[in-house]
Protein backbone atom coordinates (compact mmCIF):
# COMPACT_ATOMS: atom_id res chain seq x y z
CA MET A 1 -19.66 1.91 -20.85
CA GLN A 2 -23.23 0.93 -20.21
CA LEU A 3 -24.13 1.76 -16.79
CA ASP A 4 -24.46 -1.78 -15.30
CA LYS A 5 -21.22 -2.78 -16.86
CA LEU A 6 -19.85 -0.02 -15.23
CA LEU A 7 -21.01 -0.90 -11.64
CA GLN A 8 -19.80 -4.26 -12.27
CA SER A 9 -16.13 -2.95 -13.08
CA GLN A 10 -16.31 -0.46 -9.90
CA GLY A 11 -16.94 -2.80 -7.60
CA PHE A 12 -20.72 -3.09 -6.55
CA GLY A 13 -21.56 -6.71 -7.26
CA THR A 14 -22.11 -8.98 -10.49
CA ARG A 15 -23.51 -7.61 -13.50
CA LYS A 16 -26.74 -9.11 -12.51
CA GLN A 17 -26.58 -7.27 -8.77
CA CYS A 18 -26.08 -4.22 -10.62
CA GLN A 19 -28.84 -3.96 -12.40
CA ILE A 20 -30.79 -4.90 -9.42
CA LEU A 21 -29.55 -1.74 -7.72
CA ILE A 22 -30.41 -0.36 -10.84
CA HIS A 23 -33.80 -0.97 -11.23
CA ARG A 24 -34.65 -0.80 -7.50
CA GLY A 25 -33.44 3.40 -7.64
CA HIS A 26 -30.66 3.14 -5.71
CA VAL A 27 -28.01 4.48 -8.30
CA SER A 28 -27.99 8.18 -9.30
CA ILE A 29 -26.25 10.02 -11.71
CA ASN A 30 -25.67 14.00 -11.62
CA ASN A 31 -28.61 13.72 -8.55
CA ASP A 32 -30.62 12.05 -10.84
CA VAL A 33 -31.99 8.39 -10.19
CA VAL A 34 -31.27 6.53 -13.29
CA ARG A 35 -33.52 3.03 -13.12
CA ASP A 36 -32.13 1.77 -16.94
CA HIS A 37 -29.45 -0.39 -16.68
CA LYS A 38 -28.75 0.46 -20.39
CA PHE A 39 -28.38 3.77 -19.55
CA ARG A 40 -24.85 4.69 -21.36
CA CYS A 41 -21.71 6.21 -19.70
CA ASN A 42 -18.66 8.72 -20.60
CA THR A 43 -16.26 7.30 -18.65
CA GLN A 44 -14.31 10.68 -18.43
CA ASN A 45 -14.63 12.25 -15.33
CA PHE A 46 -17.76 10.61 -14.75
CA GLN A 47 -19.31 10.93 -11.13
CA PHE A 48 -22.06 8.60 -9.62
CA SER A 49 -23.28 8.09 -6.45
CA VAL A 50 -24.61 4.59 -5.21
CA TYR A 51 -27.21 4.56 -2.00
CA GLY A 52 -26.38 8.15 -1.50
CA GLU A 53 -22.52 8.16 -1.53
CA GLU A 54 -20.60 9.45 -4.64
CA PHE A 55 -18.32 7.81 -6.60
CA SER A 56 -15.91 8.49 -8.83
CA TYR A 57 -15.64 5.95 -11.80
CA ARG A 58 -11.61 4.81 -11.82
CA GLU A 59 -10.22 2.60 -14.27
CA LYS A 60 -7.75 1.22 -11.64
CA VAL A 61 -7.31 1.95 -8.03
CA TYR A 62 -4.08 3.39 -6.64
CA ILE A 63 -4.50 3.53 -2.41
CA ALA A 64 -2.53 4.43 0.39
CA LEU A 65 -3.20 2.86 3.88
CA ASN A 66 -1.83 3.86 6.82
CA LYS A 67 -1.27 0.90 8.86
CA PRO A 68 -1.85 0.18 12.21
CA GLN A 69 -0.42 -2.73 14.36
CA GLY A 70 -2.54 -5.78 14.45
CA PHE A 71 -2.90 -6.51 10.72
CA GLU A 72 -1.69 -9.08 8.65
CA CYS A 73 -1.57 -8.36 4.89
CA SER A 74 -3.35 -11.32 3.68
CA HIS A 75 -7.17 -12.37 2.84
CA ARG A 76 -6.50 -15.30 5.01
CA THR A 77 -5.22 -14.46 8.35
CA GLN A 78 -4.35 -16.42 10.66
CA HIS A 79 -3.86 -14.61 14.25
CA HIS A 80 -4.79 -10.87 13.47
CA HIS A 81 -6.99 -9.11 11.57
CA SER A 82 -6.75 -8.67 7.62
CA VAL A 83 -5.61 -5.19 5.99
CA PHE A 84 -8.19 -5.72 3.61
CA GLU A 85 -11.12 -4.99 6.76
CA LEU A 86 -10.31 -1.86 6.72
CA LEU A 87 -11.14 -1.10 3.29
CA PRO A 88 -14.70 -0.67 1.82
CA ASP A 89 -16.71 -3.61 0.36
CA HIS A 90 -16.10 -2.48 -3.27
CA LEU A 91 -12.68 -1.92 -3.30
CA ILE A 92 -12.64 -6.07 -2.09
CA GLU A 93 -14.71 -6.70 -4.73
CA ARG A 94 -12.17 -4.95 -7.59
CA ASN A 95 -9.52 -7.12 -5.79
CA VAL A 96 -7.06 -4.73 -4.67
CA GLN A 97 -3.67 -6.36 -3.45
CA SER A 98 -1.04 -5.31 -1.09
CA ILE A 99 2.32 -4.39 -2.96
CA GLY A 100 4.36 -6.22 -0.83
CA ARG A 101 3.58 -6.89 2.89
CA LEU A 102 4.51 -5.42 6.43
CA ASP A 103 4.30 -7.43 9.36
CA GLN A 104 1.36 -7.67 11.65
CA ASP A 105 3.61 -5.50 14.10
CA THR A 106 5.12 -3.13 11.55
CA THR A 107 2.88 0.37 10.60
CA GLY A 108 3.11 2.73 8.23
CA LEU A 109 3.06 3.30 4.66
CA LEU A 110 1.21 0.99 2.60
CA LEU A 111 0.03 0.74 -1.14
CA LEU A 112 -2.46 -1.69 -2.85
CA THR A 113 -4.30 -1.88 -6.30
CA ASP A 114 -5.99 -4.09 -8.74
CA ASP A 115 -3.65 -2.74 -11.52
CA GLY A 116 -1.48 -5.83 -12.15
CA GLN A 117 1.22 -3.95 -14.32
CA TYR A 118 2.01 -1.27 -11.57
CA LEU A 119 2.00 -3.78 -8.68
CA HIS A 120 4.62 -5.41 -10.72
CA LYS A 121 6.65 -2.22 -11.00
CA LEU A 122 6.83 -1.56 -7.39
CA THR A 123 8.01 -5.54 -6.73
CA HIS A 124 10.17 -6.76 -9.51
CA PRO A 125 13.77 -7.42 -7.95
CA LYS A 126 15.27 -5.29 -10.61
CA LYS A 127 13.46 -1.94 -9.66
CA HIS A 128 15.67 -1.16 -6.98
CA VAL A 129 12.44 1.08 -5.05
CA LEU A 130 13.98 2.55 -2.31
CA LYS A 131 11.40 1.36 1.21
CA TYR A 132 11.86 3.81 3.96
CA TYR A 133 11.67 2.96 7.35
CA GLN A 134 12.03 4.72 10.70
CA ILE A 135 13.62 1.96 13.36
CA HIS A 136 13.07 1.89 16.87
CA THR A 137 16.08 -0.39 18.75
CA ALA A 138 16.04 -2.30 21.63
CA GLU A 139 19.87 -0.91 22.45
CA PRO A 140 21.98 2.18 21.09
CA LEU A 141 23.19 1.24 17.61
CA SER A 142 27.30 1.63 18.21
CA THR A 143 29.20 3.15 15.70
CA ASP A 144 30.85 -0.45 14.61
CA ALA A 145 26.76 -1.52 14.44
CA ILE A 146 26.30 1.68 12.42
CA ALA A 147 29.25 1.22 10.06
CA GLN A 148 28.33 -2.54 9.36
CA LEU A 149 24.15 -1.67 8.24
CA GLN A 150 25.60 0.84 5.53
CA ASN A 151 28.65 -1.61 4.39
CA GLY A 152 26.24 -4.66 4.12
CA VAL A 153 25.40 -7.59 6.33
CA GLU A 154 24.30 -11.24 5.35
CA LEU A 155 21.13 -12.98 5.90
CA ARG A 156 21.34 -16.10 6.69
CA ASN A 157 19.74 -17.97 3.83
CA GLU A 158 19.99 -14.97 1.54
CA LEU A 159 22.43 -14.16 -1.03
CA GLY A 160 24.27 -11.12 -1.30
CA HIS A 161 24.51 -7.97 1.24
CA PHE A 162 22.30 -6.28 2.10
CA GLN A 163 22.51 -2.51 3.11
CA ALA A 164 20.88 0.07 4.81
CA LEU A 165 21.21 3.33 2.27
CA ASN A 166 20.35 6.56 3.54
CA PHE A 167 20.84 6.34 7.33
CA GLU A 168 20.17 8.42 9.85
CA GLU A 169 19.85 8.82 13.62
CA ILE A 170 17.02 10.15 14.45
CA ASP A 171 17.41 9.89 18.95
CA GLN A 172 18.77 7.40 21.16
CA ARG A 173 17.76 4.16 19.96
CA LEU A 174 15.53 5.70 16.90
CA TYR A 175 17.29 5.36 13.19
CA ARG A 176 15.74 6.28 9.89
CA PHE A 177 17.43 4.24 6.27
CA ALA A 178 16.28 2.87 3.32
CA ILE A 179 16.61 -0.52 1.98
CA SER A 180 16.42 -1.65 -1.83
CA GLN A 181 15.34 -4.97 -1.78
CA GLY A 182 12.38 -6.88 0.29
CA VAL A 183 13.18 -10.29 1.66
CA TYR A 184 11.71 -11.82 4.43
CA HIS A 185 11.92 -9.53 7.62
CA GLN A 186 14.66 -7.46 6.07
CA VAL A 187 14.85 -5.07 8.65
CA LYS A 188 14.90 -6.74 11.55
CA ARG A 189 17.21 -9.33 10.40
CA MET A 190 19.60 -6.79 9.55
CA ILE A 191 19.71 -5.31 12.90
CA ALA A 192 19.50 -8.66 14.36
CA ALA A 193 22.79 -9.12 12.42
CA VAL A 194 25.05 -6.54 14.32
CA GLY A 195 23.80 -8.01 17.65
CA ASN A 196 20.55 -5.77 18.39
CA HIS A 197 17.21 -5.76 18.08
CA VAL A 198 13.97 -4.13 16.89
CA ASP A 199 11.54 -3.09 19.33
CA ALA A 200 9.03 -0.90 16.57
CA LEU A 201 9.16 -0.53 12.96
CA HIS A 202 7.68 2.13 11.10
CA ARG A 203 7.61 2.38 6.79
CA ASP A 204 7.02 6.12 6.28
CA GLN A 205 8.50 6.64 2.78
CA ILE A 206 8.40 5.00 -1.16
CA ALA A 207 10.60 6.37 -3.77
CA GLU A 208 9.47 9.19 -3.43
CA LEU A 209 6.23 9.38 -2.32
CA LYS A 210 6.00 10.23 1.87
CA LEU A 211 3.51 9.03 4.30
CA GLU A 212 3.48 12.68 6.50
CA GLN A 213 2.45 14.28 2.72
CA LEU A 214 -1.02 12.31 2.47
CA PRO A 215 -4.47 13.06 4.72
CA ILE A 216 -4.70 9.40 6.62
CA GLN A 217 -4.11 8.89 10.15
CA SER A 218 -3.27 5.00 11.43
CA GLY A 219 -5.61 3.17 10.34
CA GLU A 220 -6.82 5.48 7.49
CA TRP A 221 -6.58 5.33 3.77
CA CYS A 222 -6.65 7.60 0.76
CA TYR A 223 -6.80 7.45 -3.34
CA LEU A 224 -3.27 8.25 -4.98
CA ASN A 225 -3.75 10.50 -8.00
CA GLU A 226 -1.59 10.19 -10.88
CA ALA A 227 1.50 12.06 -9.61
CA GLU A 228 1.61 10.33 -6.15
CA TYR A 229 1.13 6.88 -7.21
CA GLN A 230 4.05 7.42 -10.09
CA SER A 231 5.94 8.98 -7.43
CA ALA A 232 5.99 5.34 -5.33
CA THR A 233 7.55 4.18 -8.39
CA VAL A 234 11.38 6.32 -9.19
CA GLN A 235 14.05 4.14 -9.80
CA ASN A 236 16.75 5.48 -6.73
CA ILE A 237 18.91 3.71 -7.35
CA THR A 238 20.59 1.95 -10.46
CA ASP A 239 21.95 -1.93 -11.18
């Protein structure tokens, strides 16, 4: 691939902007400055630097973000910061999108990608990818309330029943369970349906991908390797 086209594909600007970067000596390959924008690159395992920062060529990007409170999963936010403010410009230029959303006050594992097929694989309602949450409630859940959640509750204006799968009681007022759907404010509405209230909500796992296994603290992000991003697509339950 021609160098200017490669840089454009990696989010470093328009073709013309990438040519200017190259001509001005801001792009290096193997520590050598390359000023020819027509330089041909073998994209396999290709590495380069822009303004001295090292990059690897990625045909598509798969990103995990440890989302903090106070950030919305939108490019055009209303009242809070955007999660996209936590990403570098070259990823924004690649038009990465969040795979599903977390409320502004919900923390934890958020995936982003510029791979439309991958995004569809994780968000299609028939895929039944489990998403795990830690839930801190206003009051302890009664035995009856836990049974209701495990059997499935009804939510206003939604079809079907919504179950708390793989339910765990971690501590008083702290619980963990998975959901297989993804309707608006689902976990909060499920807890409200049994007469309680969510004080704090944290997503710590998607399918087999666990946040604790990734090297990111709150507000940080990382690239996922193939094994990691594929582990987030496992269909945990069947139709």
